[in-house]
Amino acid sequence: MLPATELLGASLVAVATVAGAWLARRRQGQRQTWFAAAAGALLIIAGLHLLPDAWAGARGTSVWPPLVPIAAVAAFTAAGRAARAGCSCSAHKEQAIGAAAAAALATHRFLEGAAISLSGSATVAIALAAHAFGEGLAAGSLLGAQPRRRTAAWLTLMCLSPVVGAVAADAFAVPDGAEPILLAVTAGILVQAAWMSLRTAFRGLRHSRLLLVRPAATTAVAAVITVLAVHGVG
């Protein structure tokens, strides 16, 4: 059994995830807005949270630091190719990248659960919950093309992975050399998801500059909110 503080922290992260995803799916008529928000959140999560942590972790271990950007670029490329494989229609691409992003976020959540366990801090848990709302919003937007049951399954995985991470951290430590590379791979996948989100948000708006303002502003606002959450984690 997890201590009460760790269980409460993991529960807060799960609730925030579901709340963000529910908001994105509840307002599906604002599809371009949510994709723009998802892009802003994912770019900040990857660029200001995952990659710096991966670089710092590599420098603090025996991992060769340049492996971090190499792993991120490789994951970005692989995720893009996976999204383009099979049917070339946009709906199938969105389904593929949505599933990849959800899997990457679930992996990231595993490490966040471990962080809750290792820190034992309620402040860290609350900050991670604020961070999780943006991730849930992004996941809900990207999984919008998925059937309800599949979306529920991915969200369940994202909610359970922090608990598994906390349990694993109590049982044994994650190898120092594995964590930086895992974070870099996760970041690469999320940047690819952000890129596809931006393309979807701006699709069909090229003929009017005024129409471009709303998704651009939404991306910026989501990025700012996520920056505050990420700095709260730090």
Protein backbone atom coordinates (compact mmCIF):
# COMPACT_ATOMS: atom_id res chain seq x y z
CA MET A 1 0.00 0.00 0.00
CA LEU A 2 1.17 3.51 -0.83
CA PRO A 3 1.47 6.12 1.93
CA ALA A 4 -1.50 8.52 2.10
CA THR A 5 0.50 11.47 0.71
CA GLU A 6 1.65 9.53 -2.35
CA LEU A 7 -1.82 8.08 -2.97
CA LEU A 8 -3.39 11.54 -2.70
CA GLY A 9 -0.79 13.00 -5.07
CA ALA A 10 -1.38 10.30 -7.68
CA SER A 11 -5.13 10.78 -7.31
CA LEU A 12 -4.83 14.54 -7.86
CA VAL A 13 -2.84 13.92 -11.04
CA ALA A 14 -5.49 11.46 -12.26
CA VAL A 15 -8.38 13.84 -11.55
CA ALA A 16 -6.62 16.73 -13.29
CA THR A 17 -5.92 14.54 -16.32
CA VAL A 18 -9.55 13.48 -16.63
CA ALA A 19 -10.74 17.07 -16.13
CA GLY A 20 -8.52 18.35 -18.95
CA ALA A 21 -9.55 15.54 -21.30
CA TRP A 22 -13.23 15.99 -20.43
CA LEU A 23 -13.04 19.70 -21.25
CA ALA A 24 -11.43 18.98 -24.62
CA ARG A 25 -14.02 16.34 -25.55
CA ARG A 26 -16.97 18.29 -24.15
CA ARG A 27 -16.27 21.22 -26.48
CA GLN A 28 -15.53 19.27 -29.64
CA GLY A 29 -17.03 22.05 -31.75
CA GLN A 30 -13.94 24.08 -30.88
CA ARG A 31 -11.68 21.46 -32.40
CA GLN A 32 -9.12 23.87 -33.85
CA THR A 33 -8.90 25.75 -30.57
CA TRP A 34 -8.21 22.57 -28.59
CA PHE A 35 -5.58 21.38 -31.05
CA ALA A 36 -3.87 24.76 -30.79
CA ALA A 37 -3.97 24.53 -26.99
CA ALA A 38 -2.62 20.99 -27.13
CA ALA A 39 0.29 22.14 -29.28
CA GLY A 40 1.22 24.93 -26.87
CA ALA A 41 1.07 22.62 -23.85
CA LEU A 42 3.01 19.80 -25.50
CA LEU A 43 5.78 22.08 -26.76
CA ILE A 44 6.36 23.47 -23.27
CA ILE A 45 6.17 20.04 -21.62
CA ALA A 46 8.77 18.72 -24.04
CA GLY A 47 10.99 21.79 -24.38
CA LEU A 48 11.03 23.21 -20.85
CA HIS A 49 10.38 20.12 -18.78
CA LEU A 50 11.43 16.83 -20.37
CA LEU A 51 14.48 17.81 -22.43
CA PRO A 52 16.17 19.91 -19.71
CA ASP A 53 15.55 17.11 -17.20
CA ALA A 54 16.97 14.57 -19.65
CA TRP A 55 20.07 16.71 -20.32
CA ALA A 56 20.67 17.32 -16.61
CA GLY A 57 20.15 13.64 -15.89
CA ALA A 58 22.63 12.62 -18.58
CA ARG A 59 25.27 15.02 -17.25
CA GLY A 60 24.77 13.62 -13.78
CA THR A 61 25.28 10.02 -14.91
CA SER A 62 27.56 8.10 -17.25
CA VAL A 63 25.25 8.77 -20.22
CA TRP A 64 26.87 10.71 -23.09
CA PRO A 65 24.84 13.99 -23.11
CA PRO A 66 24.55 14.27 -26.94
CA LEU A 67 22.53 11.04 -26.81
CA VAL A 68 19.65 13.10 -25.41
CA PRO A 69 19.03 15.25 -28.55
CA ILE A 70 19.84 12.25 -30.76
CA ALA A 71 17.20 10.15 -29.00
CA ALA A 72 14.68 13.01 -29.16
CA VAL A 73 15.19 13.58 -32.90
CA ALA A 74 15.01 9.83 -33.58
CA ALA A 75 11.75 9.56 -31.63
CA PHE A 76 10.34 12.63 -33.41
CA THR A 77 11.15 11.09 -36.80
CA ALA A 78 9.84 7.64 -35.88
CA ALA A 79 6.59 9.08 -34.52
CA GLY A 80 6.06 11.09 -37.70
CA ARG A 81 6.66 8.07 -39.91
CA ALA A 82 4.33 5.95 -37.80
CA ALA A 83 1.61 8.59 -38.14
CA ARG A 84 2.06 8.65 -41.92
CA ALA A 85 2.10 4.87 -42.29
CA GLY A 86 -0.92 3.11 -43.74
CA CYS A 87 -3.80 5.36 -44.77
CA SER A 88 -2.69 8.86 -45.68
CA CYS A 89 -5.97 10.50 -44.64
CA SER A 90 -5.80 13.05 -41.84
CA ALA A 91 -8.17 11.14 -39.53
CA HIS A 92 -5.91 8.10 -39.45
CA LYS A 93 -2.85 10.28 -38.91
CA GLU A 94 -4.55 11.98 -35.97
CA GLN A 95 -5.49 8.62 -34.47
CA ALA A 96 -1.91 7.36 -34.79
CA ILE A 97 -0.27 10.43 -33.31
CA GLY A 98 -2.94 10.63 -30.60
CA ALA A 99 -2.19 7.08 -29.49
CA ALA A 100 1.57 7.74 -29.62
CA ALA A 101 1.21 10.91 -27.55
CA ALA A 102 -0.98 9.15 -24.98
CA ALA A 103 1.57 6.34 -24.66
CA ALA A 104 4.40 8.85 -24.29
CA LEU A 105 2.49 10.80 -21.64
CA ALA A 106 1.71 7.58 -19.77
CA THR A 107 5.44 6.78 -19.72
CA HIS A 108 6.18 10.31 -18.55
CA ARG A 109 3.54 9.92 -15.83
CA PHE A 110 5.31 6.80 -14.57
CA LEU A 111 8.35 8.96 -13.80
CA GLU A 112 6.16 11.67 -12.27
CA GLY A 113 4.63 9.08 -9.95
CA ALA A 114 8.14 8.08 -8.95
CA ALA A 115 8.90 11.77 -8.28
CA ILE A 116 5.86 12.04 -5.98
CA SER A 117 7.06 8.99 -4.08
CA LEU A 118 10.68 10.10 -3.80
CA SER A 119 9.88 13.69 -2.79
CA GLY A 120 7.01 12.91 -0.41
CA SER A 121 5.93 16.54 -0.89
CA ALA A 122 2.32 17.70 -1.18
CA THR A 123 3.55 20.83 -3.02
CA VAL A 124 5.14 18.68 -5.73
CA ALA A 125 1.94 16.65 -6.03
CA ILE A 126 -0.22 19.79 -6.45
CA ALA A 127 2.17 21.27 -9.03
CA LEU A 128 2.16 17.99 -10.96
CA ALA A 129 -1.64 17.99 -10.88
CA ALA A 130 -1.71 21.47 -12.48
CA HIS A 131 0.78 20.18 -15.01
CA ALA A 132 -1.44 17.12 -15.60
CA PHE A 133 -4.44 19.29 -16.53
CA GLY A 134 -2.55 20.60 -19.55
CA GLU A 135 -1.49 17.07 -20.46
CA GLY A 136 -5.08 15.87 -20.14
CA LEU A 137 -6.26 18.71 -22.34
CA ALA A 138 -3.66 17.79 -24.93
CA ALA A 139 -4.50 14.09 -24.78
CA GLY A 140 -8.24 14.76 -24.99
CA SER A 141 -7.73 16.89 -28.09
CA LEU A 142 -5.43 14.41 -29.81
CA LEU A 143 -7.65 11.44 -28.97
CA GLY A 144 -10.77 13.16 -30.26
CA ALA A 145 -10.79 10.98 -33.39
CA GLN A 146 -10.59 7.77 -31.35
CA PRO A 147 -13.67 5.75 -30.29
CA ARG A 148 -14.88 6.48 -26.76
CA ARG A 149 -13.77 3.13 -25.37
CA ARG A 150 -10.27 3.50 -26.77
CA THR A 151 -10.01 7.04 -25.44
CA ALA A 152 -11.15 5.82 -22.01
CA ALA A 153 -8.52 3.07 -22.12
CA TRP A 154 -5.70 5.53 -22.91
CA LEU A 155 -6.84 7.95 -20.21
CA THR A 156 -7.05 5.09 -17.71
CA LEU A 157 -3.48 4.14 -18.56
CA MET A 158 -2.37 7.76 -18.12
CA CYS A 159 -4.11 7.91 -14.74
CA LEU A 160 -2.76 4.59 -13.46
CA SER A 161 0.84 5.06 -14.59
CA PRO A 162 1.69 7.57 -11.78
CA VAL A 163 0.46 5.03 -9.22
CA VAL A 164 2.59 2.33 -10.83
CA GLY A 165 5.55 4.72 -10.86
CA ALA A 166 5.11 5.52 -7.18
CA VAL A 167 4.88 1.82 -6.30
CA ALA A 168 7.96 1.06 -8.40
CA ALA A 169 9.91 3.88 -6.75
CA ASP A 170 9.08 2.42 -3.35
CA ALA A 171 10.16 -1.04 -4.51
CA PHE A 172 13.29 -0.27 -6.52
CA ALA A 173 15.08 2.63 -8.21
CA VAL A 174 14.86 3.41 -11.94
CA PRO A 175 18.35 2.87 -13.48
CA ASP A 176 20.16 6.20 -13.73
CA GLY A 177 21.26 5.57 -17.30
CA ALA A 178 17.76 4.73 -18.55
CA GLU A 179 15.85 7.76 -17.30
CA PRO A 180 17.50 10.51 -19.46
CA ILE A 181 17.05 8.52 -22.68
CA LEU A 182 13.46 7.64 -21.78
CA LEU A 183 12.70 11.32 -21.14
CA ALA A 184 14.31 12.31 -24.46
CA VAL A 185 12.28 9.74 -26.40
CA THR A 186 9.10 10.96 -24.71
CA ALA A 187 9.96 14.55 -25.61
CA GLY A 188 10.53 13.68 -29.26
CA ILE A 189 7.15 11.97 -29.52
CA LEU A 190 5.38 14.90 -27.87
CA VAL A 191 7.03 17.45 -30.18
CA GLN A 192 5.80 15.43 -33.16
CA ALA A 193 2.31 15.43 -31.62
CA ALA A 194 2.55 19.20 -31.13
CA TRP A 195 3.60 19.69 -34.76
CA MET A 196 0.65 17.67 -36.04
CA SER A 197 -1.66 19.53 -33.65
CA LEU A 198 -0.51 22.86 -35.07
CA ARG A 199 -1.07 21.64 -38.63
CA THR A 200 -4.59 20.55 -37.72
CA ALA A 201 -5.35 23.80 -35.88
CA PHE A 202 -4.33 25.95 -38.87
CA ARG A 203 -5.74 23.69 -41.57
CA GLY A 204 -8.26 25.54 -43.75
CA LEU A 205 -7.32 28.96 -42.35
CA ARG A 206 -4.63 29.91 -44.85
CA HIS A 207 -6.81 32.24 -46.90
CA SER A 208 -7.62 34.64 -44.08
CA ARG A 209 -5.01 36.22 -41.82
CA LEU A 210 -7.68 37.24 -39.32
CA LEU A 211 -8.69 33.62 -38.81
CA LEU A 212 -5.10 32.71 -38.00
CA VAL A 213 -5.10 34.94 -34.92
CA ARG A 214 -7.31 32.74 -32.74
CA PRO A 215 -5.34 29.45 -32.92
CA ALA A 216 -2.07 31.37 -32.61
CA ALA A 217 -3.33 33.16 -29.50
CA THR A 218 -4.67 29.91 -28.06
CA THR A 219 -1.31 28.21 -28.57
CA ALA A 220 0.45 31.09 -26.81
CA VAL A 221 -1.97 31.13 -23.85
CA ALA A 222 -1.72 27.34 -23.40
CA ALA A 223 2.07 27.62 -23.54
CA VAL A 224 2.12 30.34 -20.85
CA ILE A 225 -0.19 28.35 -18.55
CA THR A 226 1.94 25.24 -19.00
CA VAL A 227 5.12 27.24 -18.31
CA LEU A 228 3.66 28.27 -14.95
CA ALA A 229 2.80 24.65 -14.17
CA VAL A 230 6.24 23.43 -15.20
CA HIS A 231 7.97 26.07 -13.08
CA GLY A 232 5.72 25.02 -10.22
CA VAL A 233 7.05 21.48 -10.59
CA GLY A 234 10.60 22.81 -10.57
